Amino acid sequence: MTSRKQDPSIRPIRTFGRKGGRPLSGRQQELIDNLLPRLTVPVGAAGLLDPHSLFPVQGPVCLEIGFGGGEHLIEQARRAPTTGFIGCEPFIEGMAKALVGVEDNSLTNVRLWMDDARALMDSLSDGCVDQVFILFPDPWPKKRQQKRRLVQPDFLQSLHRIMSPGAKVRFATDVASYADEALARFRDHGGFAWQAERASDWRSAPSDHVPTRYEAKRLGDCEPVWFDFRVQP
């Protein structure tokens, strides 16, 4: 059996930009200091964490990678109280906003990770996640930056390992080159079946999507593109 333990001297390429920005409000800082430690996923040894153990109700587990301001994560968690949601976001302002949403909605089905999602994924057990959202990840649009894009073969291999058969992945971007590249990488992997049957399936937001402020800014070079996949063994 091949070990997943990495050489600690080898650091993966960073896939996100800055982690901090404007000062937090007093309430936001208090939540970072006191609520975040209680909600932080206890990442540890590779492949040992069953995320179902993190939630009071034993239901499906969803993972959102890079949740931005947290609007999508919080609303999805509010709609599905028996589903456990894990949100990853290295940007402290986004994390603070998500914590406000957790507190305002009295959510007990959200856990958080304020660092690289790949470290959290490595800690999770095989086949334990039922749905993953990767919505408008950092596009790294310049050619020399594109090696920093999240969707790479190694990432997809890790993603496939932690997902249960039949689980769902949703990827969205508003950068044309990333859309083309990501779709090709998902399909080349062989473990993700693209669900589109007609052009509207990738041109229109899914019916259960929660719009975000980032999405509304239309910062990319194309209309948003939506790819839904099913995990195959």
Foldseek 3Di string as FASTA:
>chain_A
DDDPDDDVVDDDQAQADDQEDDDDDPQLVVCVVPVQVVQADPQDAFADDQCLVQAPARDAEEEEEACALQQQVLVVCLVCLNYAYEYEAQHSNSVSNNSVSCVVSVHRRYGYHNDHVVSVLRRHHFARHQEYEYEAGDCLPDPVRNVSHQQDLVNVVSVLGRHHAFGKYKYKHFAVVCVVVNVVSQVVNPFWAWDDDDPCVFQPDDPPGDDDPVLVVSPYDGRMTMTMIGGHD
